[in-house]
């Protein structure tokens, strides 16, 4: 007879524990979704930073090409003026 009481208490405790775990997980679900969205936004920001660094590098290269072209154009102008 005592075994039935102990078994009932154990089963009741397990059911109660299951309900508590279920409630906690239900509460954590929105937090989990928010964390996933935040992680996605952070990854997007890192991609944007990498893209911005690449664009900055290309802009520097383009600036040096423009400066070289302007120097070459100036050199050709001076040569043409000397040839006259």
Foldseek 3Di string as FASTA:
>chain_A
DVVVVVVVVVVVVVVVVVVVVVVVVVVCVVVVVVVVVVVVVVVVVVVVVVVVVVVVVVVVVVVVVVVVVVVVVVVVVVVVVVVD
